[in-house]
PDB file of N, CA and C in Angstrom:
ATOM      1  N   MET A   1     122.795-117.978-209.131  1.00  0.00           N
ATOM      2  CA  MET A   1     121.855-116.999-209.638  1.00  0.00           C
ATOM      3  C   MET A   1     122.621-115.756-210.066  1.00  0.00           C
ATOM      4  N   VAL A   2     122.172-115.193-211.175  1.00  0.00           N
ATOM      5  CA  VAL A   2     122.759-113.985-211.725  1.00  0.00           C
ATOM      6  C   VAL A   2     121.647-112.973-211.948  1.00  0.00           C
ATOM      7  N   ALA A   3     121.939-111.702-211.668  1.00  0.00           N
ATOM      8  CA  ALA A   3     120.957-110.644-211.903  1.00  0.00           C
ATOM      9  C   ALA A   3     121.627-109.458-212.579  1.00  0.00           C
ATOM     10  N   LEU A   4     120.894-108.853-213.493  1.00  0.00           N
ATOM     11  CA  LEU A   4     121.281-107.579-214.093  1.00  0.00           C
ATOM     12  C   LEU A   4     120.112-106.641-213.851  1.00  0.00           C
ATOM     13  N   ASP A   5     120.308-105.693-212.940  1.00  0.00           N
ATOM     14  CA  ASP A   5     119.200-104.812-212.542  1.00  0.00           C
ATOM     15  C   ASP A   5     119.712-103.382-212.380  1.00  0.00           C
ATOM     16  N   PRO A   6     119.541-102.594-213.466  1.00  0.00           N
ATOM     17  CA  PRO A   6     118.960-102.929-214.751  1.00  0.00           C
ATOM     18  C   PRO A   6     119.980-103.573-215.692  1.00  0.00           C
ATOM     19  N   VAL A   7     119.462-104.140-216.784  1.00  0.00           N
ATOM     20  CA  VAL A   7     120.313-104.705-217.824  1.00  0.00           C
ATOM     21  C   VAL A   7     121.283-103.612-218.277  1.00  0.00           C
ATOM     22  N   GLY A   8     122.547-103.986-218.445  1.00  0.00           N
ATOM     23  CA  GLY A   8     123.566-103.027-218.853  1.00  0.00           C
ATOM     24  C   GLY A   8     124.421-102.527-217.705  1.00  0.00           C
ATOM     25  N   THR A   9     124.049-102.908-216.470  1.00  0.00           N
ATOM     26  CA  THR A   9     124.843-102.520-215.309  1.00  0.00           C
ATOM     27  C   THR A   9     125.636-103.729-214.812  1.00  0.00           C
ATOM     28  N   LYS A  10     126.381-103.518-213.741  1.00  0.00           N
ATOM     29  CA  LYS A  10     127.232-104.569-213.188  1.00  0.00           C
ATOM     30  C   LYS A  10     126.417-105.803-212.811  1.00  0.00           C
ATOM     31  N   ARG A  11     126.949-106.936-213.162  1.00  0.00           N
ATOM     32  CA  ARG A  11     126.328-108.237-212.876  1.00  0.00           C
ATOM     33  C   ARG A  11     126.340-108.496-211.373  1.00  0.00           C
ATOM     34  N   ILE A  12     125.223-108.999-210.863  1.00  0.00           N
ATOM     35  CA  ILE A  12     125.098-109.369-209.454  1.00  0.00           C
ATOM     36  C   ILE A  12     125.110-110.894-209.399  1.00  0.00           C
ATOM     37  N   ASP A  13     126.088-111.474-208.725  1.00  0.00           N
ATOM     38  CA  ASP A  13     126.246-112.927-208.677  1.00  0.00           C
ATOM     39  C   ASP A  13     125.903-113.475-207.306  1.00  0.00           C
ATOM     40  N   GLY A  14     124.986-114.428-207.256  1.00  0.00           N
ATOM     41  CA  GLY A  14     124.675-115.144-206.033  1.00  0.00           C
ATOM     42  C   GLY A  14     123.557-114.523-205.220  1.00  0.00           C
ATOM     43  N   ARG A  15     122.934-115.374-204.417  1.00  0.00           N
ATOM     44  CA  ARG A  15     121.791-114.946-203.592  1.00  0.00           C
ATOM     45  C   ARG A  15     122.173-113.879-202.569  1.00  0.00           C
ATOM     46  N   ALA A  16     123.332-114.047-201.927  1.00  0.00           N
ATOM     47  CA  ALA A  16     123.744-113.080-200.902  1.00  0.00           C
ATOM     48  C   ALA A  16     123.945-111.699-201.515  1.00  0.00           C
ATOM     49  N   ALA A  17     124.572-111.639-202.678  1.00  0.00           N
ATOM     50  CA  ALA A  17     124.792-110.357-203.352  1.00  0.00           C
ATOM     51  C   ALA A  17     123.468-109.748-203.793  1.00  0.00           C
ATOM     52  N   LEU A  18     122.537-110.577-204.239  1.00  0.00           N
ATOM     53  CA  LEU A  18     121.232-110.072-204.659  1.00  0.00           C
ATOM     54  C   LEU A  18     120.445-109.540-203.470  1.00  0.00           C
ATOM     55  N   LEU A  19     120.490-110.245-202.352  1.00  0.00           N
ATOM     56  CA  LEU A  19     119.822-109.771-201.137  1.00  0.00           C
ATOM     57  C   LEU A  19     120.396-108.422-200.710  1.00  0.00           C
ATOM     58  N   GLU A  20     121.703-108.301-200.747  1.00  0.00           N
ATOM     59  CA  GLU A  20     122.361-107.040-200.393  1.00  0.00           C
ATOM     60  C   GLU A  20     121.941-105.924-201.350  1.00  0.00           C
ATOM     61  N   PHE A  21     121.844-106.240-202.639  1.00  0.00           N
ATOM     62  CA  PHE A  21     121.410-105.254-203.630  1.00  0.00           C
ATOM     63  C   PHE A  21     120.009-104.742-203.307  1.00  0.00           C
ATOM     64  N   PHE A  22     119.076-105.647-203.025  1.00  0.00           N
ATOM     65  CA  PHE A  22     117.706-105.224-202.741  1.00  0.00           C
ATOM     66  C   PHE A  22     117.603-104.505-201.395  1.00  0.00           C
ATOM     67  N   LYS A  23     118.450-104.872-200.456  1.00  0.00           N
ATOM     68  CA  LYS A  23     118.468-104.194-199.163  1.00  0.00           C
ATOM     69  C   LYS A  23     118.935-102.750-199.295  1.00  0.00           C
ATOM     70  N   ASN A  24     119.877-102.517-200.187  1.00  0.00           N
ATOM     71  CA  ASN A  24     120.480-101.197-200.345  1.00  0.00           C
ATOM     72  C   ASN A  24     120.253-100.632-201.747  1.00  0.00           C
ATOM     73  N   GLY A  25     119.181-101.064-202.404  1.00  0.00           N
ATOM     74  CA  GLY A  25     118.905-100.680-203.779  1.00  0.00           C
ATOM     75  C   GLY A  25     118.332 -99.283-203.934  1.00  0.00           C
ATOM     76  N   PRO A  26     117.588 -99.075-205.005  1.00  0.00           N
ATOM     77  CA  PRO A  26     117.123 -97.731-205.336  1.00  0.00           C
ATOM     78  C   PRO A  26     116.084 -97.157-204.377  1.00  0.00           C
ATOM     79  N   PHE A  27     115.454 -97.987-203.560  1.00  0.00           N
ATOM     80  CA  PHE A  27     114.442 -97.504-202.626  1.00  0.00           C
ATOM     81  C   PHE A  27     114.923 -97.667-201.196  1.00  0.00           C
ATOM     82  N   THR A  28     114.586 -96.704-200.332  1.00  0.00           N
ATOM     83  CA  THR A  28     114.963 -96.799-198.920  1.00  0.00           C
ATOM     84  C   THR A  28     113.786 -97.223-198.049  1.00  0.00           C
ATOM     85  N   ARG A  29     112.576 -97.134-198.582  1.00  0.00           N
ATOM     86  CA  ARG A  29     111.383 -97.538-197.827  1.00  0.00           C
ATOM     87  C   ARG A  29     110.757 -98.775-198.464  1.00  0.00           C
ATOM     88  N   SER A  30     109.692 -99.258-197.857  1.00  0.00           N
ATOM     89  CA  SER A  30     108.973-100.415-198.394  1.00  0.00           C
ATOM     90  C   SER A  30     108.512-100.137-199.819  1.00  0.00           C
ATOM     91  N   ILE A  31     108.465-101.198-200.593  1.00  0.00           N
ATOM     92  CA  ILE A  31     108.065-101.105-201.998  1.00  0.00           C
ATOM     93  C   ILE A  31     106.697-101.748-202.165  1.00  0.00           C
ATOM     94  N   HIS A  32     105.817-101.059-202.874  1.00  0.00           N
ATOM     95  CA  HIS A  32     104.537-101.630-203.265  1.00  0.00           C
ATOM     96  C   HIS A  32     104.603-101.831-204.777  1.00  0.00           C
ATOM     97  N   ALA A  33     104.374-103.054-205.223  1.00  0.00           N
ATOM     98  CA  ALA A  33     104.468-103.358-206.653  1.00  0.00           C
ATOM     99  C   ALA A  33     103.140-103.885-207.169  1.00  0.00           C
ATOM    100  N   GLU A  34     102.809-103.498-208.395  1.00  0.00           N
ATOM    101  CA  GLU A  34     101.578-103.941-209.057  1.00  0.00           C
ATOM    102  C   GLU A  34     101.913-104.450-210.451  1.00  0.00           C
ATOM    103  N   LEU A  35     101.381-105.617-210.794  1.00  0.00           N
ATOM    104  CA  LEU A  35     101.543-106.134-212.153  1.00  0.00           C
ATOM    105  C   LEU A  35     100.809-105.243-213.148  1.00  0.00           C
ATOM    106  N   GLU A  36     101.370-105.107-214.329  1.00  0.00           N
ATOM    107  CA  GLU A  36     100.716-104.430-215.445  1.00  0.00           C
ATOM    108  C   GLU A  36     100.442-105.507-216.498  1.00  0.00           C
ATOM    109  N   GLY A  37      99.316-106.123-216.422  1.00  0.00           N
ATOM    110  CA  GLY A  37      98.991-107.166-217.390  1.00  0.00           C
ATOM    111  C   GLY A  37      99.396-108.547-216.907  1.00  0.00           C
ATOM    112  N   GLN A  38      99.382-109.473-217.837  1.00  0.00           N
ATOM    113  CA  GLN A  38      99.629-110.874-217.523  1.00  0.00           C
ATOM    114  C   GLN A  38     101.109-111.206-217.514  1.00  0.00           C
ATOM    115  N   VAL A  39     101.464-112.247-216.754  1.00  0.00           N
ATOM    116  CA  VAL A  39     102.802-112.815-216.811  1.00  0.00           C
ATOM    117  C   VAL A  39     102.869-113.657-218.080  1.00  0.00           C
ATOM    118  N   ARG A  40     103.951-113.505-218.827  1.00  0.00           N
ATOM    119  CA  ARG A  40     104.136-114.281-220.062  1.00  0.00           C
ATOM    120  C   ARG A  40     105.130-115.395-219.792  1.00  0.00           C
ATOM    121  N   LEU A  41     104.777-116.617-220.174  1.00  0.00           N
ATOM    122  CA  LEU A  41     105.624-117.790-219.981  1.00  0.00           C
ATOM    123  C   LEU A  41     106.012-118.361-221.334  1.00  0.00           C
ATOM    124  N   ALA A  42     107.290-118.717-221.479  1.00  0.00           N
ATOM    125  CA  ALA A  42     107.778-119.362-222.693  1.00  0.00           C
ATOM    126  C   ALA A  42     109.020-120.161-222.336  1.00  0.00           C
ATOM    127  N   GLY A  43     109.017-121.440-222.676  1.00  0.00           N
ATOM    128  CA  GLY A  43     110.161-122.281-222.358  1.00  0.00           C
ATOM    129  C   GLY A  43     110.459-122.255-220.879  1.00  0.00           C
ATOM    130  N   ASN A  44     111.681-121.892-220.533  1.00  0.00           N
ATOM    131  CA  ASN A  44     112.078-121.838-219.117  1.00  0.00           C
ATOM    132  C   ASN A  44     112.128-120.399-218.605  1.00  0.00           C
ATOM    133  N   SER A  45     111.330-119.508-219.205  1.00  0.00           N
ATOM    134  CA  SER A  45     111.369-118.091-218.837  1.00  0.00           C
ATOM    135  C   SER A  45     109.983-117.542-218.519  1.00  0.00           C
ATOM    136  N   ALA A  46     109.976-116.488-217.718  1.00  0.00           N
ATOM    137  CA  ALA A  46     108.752-115.740-217.418  1.00  0.00           C
ATOM    138  C   ALA A  46     109.090-114.259-217.532  1.00  0.00           C
ATOM    139  N   ALA A  47     108.174-113.489-218.142  1.00  0.00           N
ATOM    140  CA  ALA A  47     108.369-112.048-218.296  1.00  0.00           C
ATOM    141  C   ALA A  47     107.113-111.337-217.824  1.00  0.00           C
ATOM    142  N   PHE A  48     107.317-110.191-217.174  1.00  0.00           N
ATOM    143  CA  PHE A  48     106.161-109.432-216.704  1.00  0.00           C
ATOM    144  C   PHE A  48     106.538-107.971-216.516  1.00  0.00           C
ATOM    145  N   ALA A  49     105.566-107.118-216.765  1.00  0.00           N
ATOM    146  CA  ALA A  49     105.717-105.683-216.529  1.00  0.00           C
ATOM    147  C   ALA A  49     105.050-105.354-215.205  1.00  0.00           C
ATOM    148  N   PHE A  50     105.662-104.430-214.457  1.00  0.00           N
ATOM    149  CA  PHE A  50     105.058-104.016-213.200  1.00  0.00           C
ATOM    150  C   PHE A  50     105.469-102.589-212.868  1.00  0.00           C
ATOM    151  N   ILE A  51     104.745-102.002-211.936  1.00  0.00           N
ATOM    152  CA  ILE A  51     105.056-100.671-211.429  1.00  0.00           C
ATOM    153  C   ILE A  51     105.427-100.816-209.960  1.00  0.00           C
ATOM    154  N   ALA A  52     106.564-100.234-209.575  1.00  0.00           N
ATOM    155  CA  ALA A  52     107.002-100.236-208.183  1.00  0.00           C
ATOM    156  C   ALA A  52     106.865 -98.822-207.639  1.00  0.00           C
ATOM    157  N   HIS A  53     106.262 -98.699-206.447  1.00  0.00           N
ATOM    158  CA  HIS A  53     106.065 -97.411-205.789  1.00  0.00           C
ATOM    159  C   HIS A  53     106.843 -97.386-204.485  1.00  0.00           C
ATOM    160  N   SER A  54     107.614 -96.322-204.267  1.00  0.00           N
ATOM    161  CA  SER A  54     108.301 -96.104-203.000  1.00  0.00           C
ATOM    162  C   SER A  54     109.027 -94.774-203.057  1.00  0.00           C
ATOM    163  N   ASP A  55     109.294 -94.201-201.900  1.00  0.00           N
ATOM    164  CA  ASP A  55     110.096 -92.983-201.792  1.00  0.00           C
ATOM    165  C   ASP A  55     109.588 -91.848-202.680  1.00  0.00           C
ATOM    166  N   GLY A  56     108.274 -91.787-202.909  1.00  0.00           N
ATOM    167  CA  GLY A  56     107.729 -90.739-203.766  1.00  0.00           C
ATOM    168  C   GLY A  56     108.048 -90.928-205.233  1.00  0.00           C
ATOM    169  N   LYS A  57     108.407 -92.161-205.611  1.00  0.00           N
ATOM    170  CA  LYS A  57     108.743 -92.474-207.002  1.00  0.00           C
ATOM    171  C   LYS A  57     107.880 -93.617-207.508  1.00  0.00           C
ATOM    172  N   GLU A  58     107.741 -93.652-208.797  1.00  0.00           N
ATOM    173  CA  GLU A  58     107.043 -94.738-209.480  1.00  0.00           C
ATOM    174  C   GLU A  58     107.991 -95.225-210.576  1.00  0.00           C
ATOM    175  N   MET A  59     108.316 -96.523-210.543  1.00  0.00           N
ATOM    176  CA  MET A  59     109.222 -97.102-211.533  1.00  0.00           C
ATOM    177  C   MET A  59     108.454 -98.100-212.392  1.00  0.00           C
ATOM    178  N   HIS A  60     108.569 -97.952-213.702  1.00  0.00           N
ATOM    179  CA  HIS A  60     107.940 -98.864-214.660  1.00  0.00           C
ATOM    180  C   HIS A  60     109.024 -99.833-215.139  1.00  0.00           C
ATOM    181  N   ILE A  61     108.842-101.105-214.820  1.00  0.00           N
ATOM    182  CA  ILE A  61     109.890-102.110-215.002  1.00  0.00           C
ATOM    183  C   ILE A  61     109.334-103.326-215.741  1.00  0.00           C
ATOM    184  N   ILE A  62     110.181-103.958-216.532  1.00  0.00           N
ATOM    185  CA  ILE A  62     109.878-105.274-217.088  1.00  0.00           C
ATOM    186  C   ILE A  62     110.963-106.218-216.588  1.00  0.00           C
ATOM    187  N   ASP A  63     110.561-107.292-215.932  1.00  0.00           N
ATOM    188  CA  ASP A  63     111.497-108.314-215.452  1.00  0.00           C
ATOM    189  C   ASP A  63     111.348-109.582-216.281  1.00  0.00           C
ATOM    190  N   VAL A  64     112.476-110.226-216.530  1.00  0.00           N
ATOM    191  CA  VAL A  64     112.503-111.536-217.172  1.00  0.00           C
ATOM    192  C   VAL A  64     113.273-112.465-216.250  1.00  0.00           C
ATOM    193  N   PHE A  65     112.650-113.576-215.894  1.00  0.00           N
ATOM    194  CA  PHE A  65     113.282-114.596-215.068  1.00  0.00           C
ATOM    195  C   PHE A  65     113.535-115.822-215.932  1.00  0.00           C
ATOM    196  N   GLU A  66     114.731-116.388-215.819  1.00  0.00           N
ATOM    197  CA  GLU A  66     115.045-117.661-216.466  1.00  0.00           C
ATOM    198  C   GLU A  66     115.250-118.686-215.357  1.00  0.00           C
ATOM    199  N   PHE A  67     114.652-119.859-215.531  1.00  0.00           N
ATOM    200  CA  PHE A  67     114.681-120.902-214.508  1.00  0.00           C
ATOM    201  C   PHE A  67     115.585-122.055-214.924  1.00  0.00           C
ATOM    202  N   ASP A  68     116.217-122.695-213.935  1.00  0.00           N
ATOM    203  CA  ASP A  68     117.075-123.845-214.217  1.00  0.00           C
ATOM    204  C   ASP A  68     116.248-125.132-214.217  1.00  0.00           C
ATOM    205  N   GLU A  69     116.926-126.259-214.333  1.00  0.00           N
ATOM    206  CA  GLU A  69     116.238-127.559-214.407  1.00  0.00           C
ATOM    207  C   GLU A  69     115.533-127.934-213.110  1.00  0.00           C
ATOM    208  N   HIS A  70     115.820-127.228-212.008  1.00  0.00           N
ATOM    209  CA  HIS A  70     115.153-127.467-210.726  1.00  0.00           C
ATOM    210  C   HIS A  70     114.065-126.431-210.449  1.00  0.00           C
ATOM    211  N   ASN A  71     113.720-125.659-211.491  1.00  0.00           N
ATOM    212  CA  ASN A  71     112.718-124.589-211.388  1.00  0.00           C
ATOM    213  C   ASN A  71     113.109-123.498-210.404  1.00  0.00           C
ATOM    214  N   GLN A  72     114.405-123.334-210.204  1.00  0.00           N
ATOM    215  CA  GLN A  72     114.937-122.243-209.391  1.00  0.00           C
ATOM    216  C   GLN A  72     115.333-121.105-210.321  1.00  0.00           C
ATOM    217  N   ILE A  73     115.269-119.882-209.833  1.00  0.00           N
ATOM    218  CA  ILE A  73     115.659-118.747-210.666  1.00  0.00           C
ATOM    219  C   ILE A  73     117.159-118.812-210.931  1.00  0.00           C
ATOM    220  N   ALA A  74     117.527-118.843-212.206  1.00  0.00           N
ATOM    221  CA  ALA A  74     118.932-118.869-212.604  1.00  0.00           C
ATOM    222  C   ALA A  74     119.399-117.476-213.011  1.00  0.00           C
ATOM    223  N   LYS A  75     118.481-116.683-213.602  1.00  0.00           N
ATOM    224  CA  LYS A  75     118.854-115.361-214.071  1.00  0.00           C
ATOM    225  C   LYS A  75     117.670-114.411-213.944  1.00  0.00           C
ATOM    226  N   LEU A  76     117.956-113.190-213.521  1.00  0.00           N
ATOM    227  CA  LEU A  76     116.963-112.112-213.457  1.00  0.00           C
ATOM    228  C   LEU A  76     117.478-110.975-214.319  1.00  0.00           C
ATOM    229  N   LEU A  77     116.675-110.572-215.276  1.00  0.00           N
ATOM    230  CA  LEU A  77     116.986-109.427-216.130  1.00  0.00           C
ATOM    231  C   LEU A  77     115.914-108.377-215.903  1.00  0.00           C
ATOM    232  N   ALA A  78     116.319-107.199-215.446  1.00  0.00           N
ATOM    233  CA  ALA A  78     115.375-106.112-215.178  1.00  0.00           C
ATOM    234  C   ALA A  78     115.591-105.020-216.224  1.00  0.00           C
ATOM    235  N   TYR A  79     114.525-104.688-216.942  1.00  0.00           N
ATOM    236  CA  TYR A  79     114.590-103.679-217.995  1.00  0.00           C
ATOM    237  C   TYR A  79     113.938-102.394-217.511  1.00  0.00           C
ATOM    238  N   TRP A  80     114.777-101.387-217.250  1.00  0.00           N
ATOM    239  CA  TRP A  80     114.307-100.065-216.867  1.00  0.00           C
ATOM    240  C   TRP A  80     115.498 -99.112-216.906  1.00  0.00           C
ATOM    241  N   SER A  81     115.203 -97.823-216.948  1.00  0.00           N
ATOM    242  CA  SER A  81     116.238 -96.788-216.871  1.00  0.00           C
ATOM    243  C   SER A  81     115.621 -95.578-216.184  1.00  0.00           C
ATOM    244  N   ASN A  82     116.380 -94.524-216.031  1.00  0.00           N
ATOM    245  CA  ASN A  82     115.843 -93.306-215.408  1.00  0.00           C
ATOM    246  C   ASN A  82     114.660 -92.754-216.192  1.00  0.00           C
ATOM    247  N   ALA A  83     114.574 -93.060-217.477  1.00  0.00           N
ATOM    248  CA  ALA A  83     113.432 -92.613-218.281  1.00  0.00           C
ATOM    249  C   ALA A  83     112.136 -93.274-217.824  1.00  0.00           C
ATOM    250  N   ASN A  84     112.240 -94.369-217.052  1.00  0.00           N
ATOM    251  CA  ASN A  84     111.080 -95.109-216.571  1.00  0.00           C
ATOM    252  C   ASN A  84     110.746 -94.800-215.126  1.00  0.00           C
ATOM    253  N   VAL A  85     111.384 -93.764-214.560  1.00  0.00           N
ATOM    254  CA  VAL A  85     111.141 -93.372-213.169  1.00  0.00           C
ATOM    255  C   VAL A  85     110.405 -92.041-213.160  1.00  0.00           C
ATOM    256  N   VAL A  86     109.299 -92.016-212.432  1.00  0.00           N
ATOM    257  CA  VAL A  86     108.491 -90.802-212.297  1.00  0.00           C
ATOM    258  C   VAL A  86     108.560 -90.331-210.848  1.00  0.00           C
ATOM    259  N   ASN A  87     108.950 -89.080-210.639  1.00  0.00           N
ATOM    260  CA  ASN A  87     108.922 -88.506-209.295  1.00  0.00           C
ATOM    261  C   ASN A  87     107.524 -88.001-209.015  1.00  0.00           C
ATOM    262  N   LEU A  88     106.921 -88.474-207.947  1.00  0.00           N
ATOM    263  CA  LEU A  88     105.536 -88.125-207.618  1.00  0.00           C
ATOM    264  C   LEU A  88     105.457 -86.963-206.643  1.00  0.00           C
ATOM    265  N   ASP A  89     106.545 -86.601-206.028  1.00  0.00           N
ATOM    266  CA  ASP A  89     106.543 -85.508-205.041  1.00  0.00           C
ATOM    267  C   ASP A  89     106.537 -84.146-205.708  1.00  0.00           C
TER     268      ASP A  89
END
């Protein structure tokens, strides 16, 4: 599995590295996420927009997942930047 979160940053390789990234990622508290609209499916990919809330911030993100022949996630592409982060405090 490979992840770019966000796209344009250092590649995250493997499940262990991805778990470590989410454990020590941009939020220090629990994350509440809400879908913005429908999940879009095409070929072996799924794309969806969502809002993540935590630490007094709101992040507007679009994720694209690509699946392998075993329907396991092969690639995660997260589209967001600081322009998509709102400080609520």
